[in-house]
Amino acid sequence: MKRGHVDDEEVACRQVVELVTDYLEGDLPEALRAAVEKHLAECPHCVDYVEQMRTTAASLRGVSVESISPAARDQLIAALRNLLPRR
């Protein structure tokens, strides 16, 4: 499934994870947003995940990059890179 394109496919958990940021920011096309919401109506695990991401994003809004030590920033960047799929 391409981002922003729904071919009568149901959104799977993996796709919710991939789309969560755009979903929370309201940046998904209407059809894709509706497909994500349909999935959320049927998947309590994804609801928990989306709510955790919403809470995390809200708690980090007030944190400035400058307030994080360079060592902690490096560790955070490395941890996030490890979450990305290998190419």
N, C-alpha and C. Protein backbone atom coordinates (compact mmCIF):
# COMPACT_ATOMS: atom_id res chain seq x y z
N MET A 1 0.83 -1.18 0.00
CA MET A 1 0.00 0.00 0.00
C MET A 1 0.88 1.24 0.00
N LYS A 2 0.64 2.14 -0.92
CA LYS A 2 1.37 3.39 -0.97
C LYS A 2 0.75 4.36 0.02
N ARG A 3 1.58 5.25 0.56
CA ARG A 3 1.07 6.26 1.48
C ARG A 3 0.03 7.10 0.75
N GLY A 4 -1.13 7.24 1.38
CA GLY A 4 -2.16 8.07 0.80
C GLY A 4 -3.03 7.35 -0.21
N HIS A 5 -2.85 6.04 -0.36
CA HIS A 5 -3.58 5.30 -1.37
C HIS A 5 -4.21 4.07 -0.74
N VAL A 6 -5.51 3.92 -0.89
CA VAL A 6 -6.22 2.76 -0.35
C VAL A 6 -6.96 2.10 -1.49
N ASP A 7 -6.61 0.86 -1.79
CA ASP A 7 -7.28 0.09 -2.84
C ASP A 7 -8.19 -0.95 -2.22
N ASP A 8 -9.23 -0.52 -1.56
CA ASP A 8 -10.14 -1.44 -0.89
C ASP A 8 -9.40 -2.42 0.01
N GLU A 9 -8.19 -2.04 0.43
CA GLU A 9 -7.42 -2.86 1.35
C GLU A 9 -7.74 -2.41 2.75
N GLU A 10 -7.66 -3.33 3.66
CA GLU A 10 -7.78 -2.95 5.04
C GLU A 10 -6.40 -2.58 5.54
N VAL A 11 -6.36 -1.63 6.43
CA VAL A 11 -5.10 -1.22 7.03
C VAL A 11 -4.73 -2.26 8.08
N ALA A 12 -3.49 -2.73 8.05
CA ALA A 12 -2.99 -3.71 9.01
C ALA A 12 -2.23 -2.99 10.11
N CYS A 13 -1.94 -3.71 11.19
CA CYS A 13 -1.22 -3.13 12.32
C CYS A 13 0.10 -2.49 11.88
N ARG A 14 0.84 -3.15 11.04
CA ARG A 14 2.13 -2.62 10.58
C ARG A 14 1.94 -1.26 9.90
N GLN A 15 0.88 -1.12 9.14
CA GLN A 15 0.61 0.14 8.45
C GLN A 15 0.23 1.24 9.44
N VAL A 16 -0.50 0.88 10.49
CA VAL A 16 -0.84 1.87 11.51
C VAL A 16 0.45 2.41 12.14
N VAL A 17 1.39 1.52 12.43
CA VAL A 17 2.67 1.94 13.00
C VAL A 17 3.38 2.89 12.04
N GLU A 18 3.37 2.58 10.75
CA GLU A 18 4.04 3.42 9.77
C GLU A 18 3.36 4.78 9.59
N LEU A 19 2.06 4.83 9.80
CA LEU A 19 1.28 6.03 9.53
C LEU A 19 0.94 6.86 10.77
N VAL A 20 1.34 6.39 11.95
CA VAL A 20 0.87 6.99 13.19
C VAL A 20 1.18 8.48 13.28
N THR A 21 2.36 8.90 12.88
CA THR A 21 2.71 10.33 12.99
C THR A 21 1.79 11.17 12.11
N ASP A 22 1.65 10.77 10.86
CA ASP A 22 0.77 11.52 9.96
C ASP A 22 -0.68 11.48 10.45
N TYR A 23 -1.10 10.35 11.00
CA TYR A 23 -2.47 10.24 11.54
C TYR A 23 -2.67 11.22 12.69
N LEU A 24 -1.73 11.22 13.63
CA LEU A 24 -1.87 12.10 14.80
C LEU A 24 -1.78 13.58 14.42
N GLU A 25 -1.04 13.89 13.38
CA GLU A 25 -0.91 15.28 12.94
C GLU A 25 -2.01 15.70 11.97
N GLY A 26 -2.90 14.76 11.63
CA GLY A 26 -4.01 15.09 10.72
C GLY A 26 -3.57 15.25 9.28
N ASP A 27 -2.48 14.59 8.91
CA ASP A 27 -1.91 14.75 7.56
C ASP A 27 -2.23 13.61 6.61
N LEU A 28 -3.15 12.72 6.97
CA LEU A 28 -3.50 11.63 6.06
C LEU A 28 -4.65 12.05 5.15
N PRO A 29 -4.62 11.58 3.91
CA PRO A 29 -5.79 11.79 3.04
C PRO A 29 -7.02 11.15 3.68
N GLU A 30 -8.18 11.68 3.38
CA GLU A 30 -9.43 11.25 4.01
C GLU A 30 -9.65 9.74 3.94
N ALA A 31 -9.44 9.14 2.77
CA ALA A 31 -9.70 7.69 2.63
C ALA A 31 -8.75 6.88 3.51
N LEU A 32 -7.50 7.29 3.59
CA LEU A 32 -6.54 6.56 4.40
C LEU A 32 -6.82 6.77 5.89
N ARG A 33 -7.19 8.00 6.27
CA ARG A 33 -7.56 8.27 7.67
C ARG A 33 -8.74 7.39 8.07
N ALA A 34 -9.73 7.28 7.19
CA ALA A 34 -10.90 6.46 7.47
C ALA A 34 -10.51 4.99 7.62
N ALA A 35 -9.58 4.52 6.78
CA ALA A 35 -9.14 3.13 6.87
C ALA A 35 -8.40 2.88 8.18
N VAL A 36 -7.58 3.84 8.61
CA VAL A 36 -6.88 3.70 9.89
C VAL A 36 -7.90 3.67 11.03
N GLU A 37 -8.87 4.57 10.99
CA GLU A 37 -9.88 4.61 12.05
C GLU A 37 -10.73 3.34 12.07
N LYS A 38 -11.00 2.77 10.91
CA LYS A 38 -11.72 1.49 10.86
C LYS A 38 -10.90 0.41 11.55
N HIS A 39 -9.60 0.38 11.26
CA HIS A 39 -8.72 -0.60 11.90
C HIS A 39 -8.71 -0.38 13.42
N LEU A 40 -8.59 0.88 13.84
CA LEU A 40 -8.54 1.18 15.28
C LEU A 40 -9.83 0.74 15.98
N ALA A 41 -10.94 0.81 15.28
CA ALA A 41 -12.22 0.39 15.87
C ALA A 41 -12.25 -1.10 16.16
N GLU A 42 -11.36 -1.85 15.50
CA GLU A 42 -11.34 -3.31 15.63
C GLU A 42 -10.10 -3.86 16.31
N CYS A 43 -9.12 -2.99 16.64
CA CYS A 43 -7.84 -3.49 17.14
C CYS A 43 -7.41 -2.74 18.41
N PRO A 44 -7.71 -3.28 19.57
CA PRO A 44 -7.35 -2.59 20.81
C PRO A 44 -5.84 -2.43 21.00
N HIS A 45 -5.04 -3.31 20.42
CA HIS A 45 -3.59 -3.19 20.53
C HIS A 45 -3.11 -1.92 19.82
N CYS A 46 -3.65 -1.66 18.64
CA CYS A 46 -3.26 -0.45 17.91
C CYS A 46 -3.79 0.80 18.59
N VAL A 47 -4.97 0.71 19.20
CA VAL A 47 -5.50 1.85 19.96
C VAL A 47 -4.52 2.19 21.08
N ASP A 48 -4.05 1.17 21.79
CA ASP A 48 -3.07 1.40 22.86
C ASP A 48 -1.81 2.05 22.31
N TYR A 49 -1.33 1.55 21.17
CA TYR A 49 -0.12 2.09 20.56
C TYR A 49 -0.30 3.56 20.17
N VAL A 50 -1.41 3.87 19.51
CA VAL A 50 -1.66 5.25 19.08
C VAL A 50 -1.77 6.16 20.30
N GLU A 51 -2.43 5.71 21.35
CA GLU A 51 -2.55 6.54 22.56
C GLU A 51 -1.19 6.74 23.23
N GLN A 52 -0.35 5.71 23.24
CA GLN A 52 1.00 5.86 23.79
C GLN A 52 1.80 6.87 22.99
N MET A 53 1.68 6.82 21.67
CA MET A 53 2.39 7.77 20.82
C MET A 53 1.85 9.19 21.02
N ARG A 54 0.54 9.32 21.18
CA ARG A 54 -0.07 10.63 21.42
C ARG A 54 0.44 11.21 22.75
N THR A 55 0.50 10.38 23.79
CA THR A 55 0.99 10.81 25.10
C THR A 55 2.46 11.19 25.03
N THR A 56 3.25 10.37 24.35
CA THR A 56 4.69 10.65 24.22
C THR A 56 4.91 11.97 23.49
N ALA A 57 4.22 12.16 22.38
CA ALA A 57 4.37 13.39 21.61
C ALA A 57 3.98 14.60 22.44
N ALA A 58 2.89 14.50 23.18
CA ALA A 58 2.44 15.62 24.01
C ALA A 58 3.44 15.94 25.10
N SER A 59 4.03 14.92 25.68
CA SER A 59 4.98 15.16 26.78
C SER A 59 6.31 15.72 26.27
N LEU A 60 6.63 15.49 25.01
CA LEU A 60 7.90 15.97 24.46
C LEU A 60 7.81 17.33 23.79
N ARG A 61 6.59 17.84 23.61
CA ARG A 61 6.42 19.12 22.92
C ARG A 61 7.21 20.25 23.56
N GLY A 62 7.29 20.26 24.88
CA GLY A 62 7.96 21.35 25.57
C GLY A 62 9.45 21.16 25.77
N VAL A 63 10.00 20.05 25.31
CA VAL A 63 11.42 19.78 25.50
C VAL A 63 12.21 20.37 24.34
N SER A 64 13.14 21.23 24.66
CA SER A 64 13.98 21.80 23.60
C SER A 64 15.18 20.90 23.35
N VAL A 65 15.65 20.90 22.13
CA VAL A 65 16.82 20.09 21.77
C VAL A 65 18.02 20.49 22.62
N GLU A 66 18.13 21.77 22.89
CA GLU A 66 19.27 22.27 23.66
C GLU A 66 19.28 21.75 25.10
N SER A 67 18.12 21.35 25.61
CA SER A 67 18.06 20.87 26.99
C SER A 67 18.55 19.43 27.15
N ILE A 68 18.79 18.75 26.03
CA ILE A 68 19.27 17.37 26.05
C ILE A 68 20.78 17.37 25.88
N SER A 69 21.47 16.66 26.73
CA SER A 69 22.94 16.62 26.63
C SER A 69 23.35 15.99 25.30
N PRO A 70 24.51 16.39 24.77
CA PRO A 70 24.98 15.79 23.50
C PRO A 70 25.07 14.26 23.57
N ALA A 71 25.51 13.71 24.71
CA ALA A 71 25.62 12.25 24.84
C ALA A 71 24.23 11.61 24.78
N ALA A 72 23.27 12.20 25.47
CA ALA A 72 21.90 11.65 25.45
C ALA A 72 21.30 11.77 24.05
N ARG A 73 21.57 12.89 23.37
CA ARG A 73 21.08 13.06 22.00
C ARG A 73 21.65 11.98 21.09
N ASP A 74 22.95 11.72 21.21
CA ASP A 74 23.58 10.68 20.38
C ASP A 74 22.97 9.31 20.65
N GLN A 75 22.71 9.01 21.92
CA GLN A 75 22.09 7.73 22.27
C GLN A 75 20.68 7.63 21.70
N LEU A 76 19.93 8.72 21.79
CA LEU A 76 18.57 8.73 21.27
C LEU A 76 18.57 8.55 19.75
N ILE A 77 19.44 9.25 19.06
CA ILE A 77 19.52 9.12 17.61
C ILE A 77 19.90 7.69 17.22
N ALA A 78 20.86 7.11 17.93
CA ALA A 78 21.27 5.73 17.64
C ALA A 78 20.11 4.76 17.88
N ALA A 79 19.37 4.97 18.96
CA ALA A 79 18.24 4.08 19.26
C ALA A 79 17.17 4.20 18.19
N LEU A 80 16.89 5.41 17.74
CA LEU A 80 15.88 5.60 16.70
C LEU A 80 16.33 5.00 15.38
N ARG A 81 17.61 5.13 15.07
CA ARG A 81 18.12 4.53 13.82
C ARG A 81 17.99 3.00 13.87
N ASN A 82 18.15 2.42 15.04
CA ASN A 82 18.01 0.97 15.17
C ASN A 82 16.58 0.50 14.95
N LEU A 83 15.61 1.41 15.09
CA LEU A 83 14.21 1.06 14.86
C LEU A 83 13.85 1.05 13.38
N LEU A 84 14.66 1.73 12.57
CA LEU A 84 14.38 1.80 11.14
C LEU A 84 14.68 0.45 10.49
N PRO A 85 13.85 0.08 9.50
CA PRO A 85 14.12 -1.18 8.80
C PRO A 85 15.44 -1.09 8.04
N ARG A 86 16.15 -2.20 8.01
CA ARG A 86 17.41 -2.28 7.28
C ARG A 86 17.13 -2.32 5.79
N ARG A 87 17.96 -1.64 5.02
CA ARG A 87 17.77 -1.64 3.54
C ARG A 87 18.81 -2.47 2.88
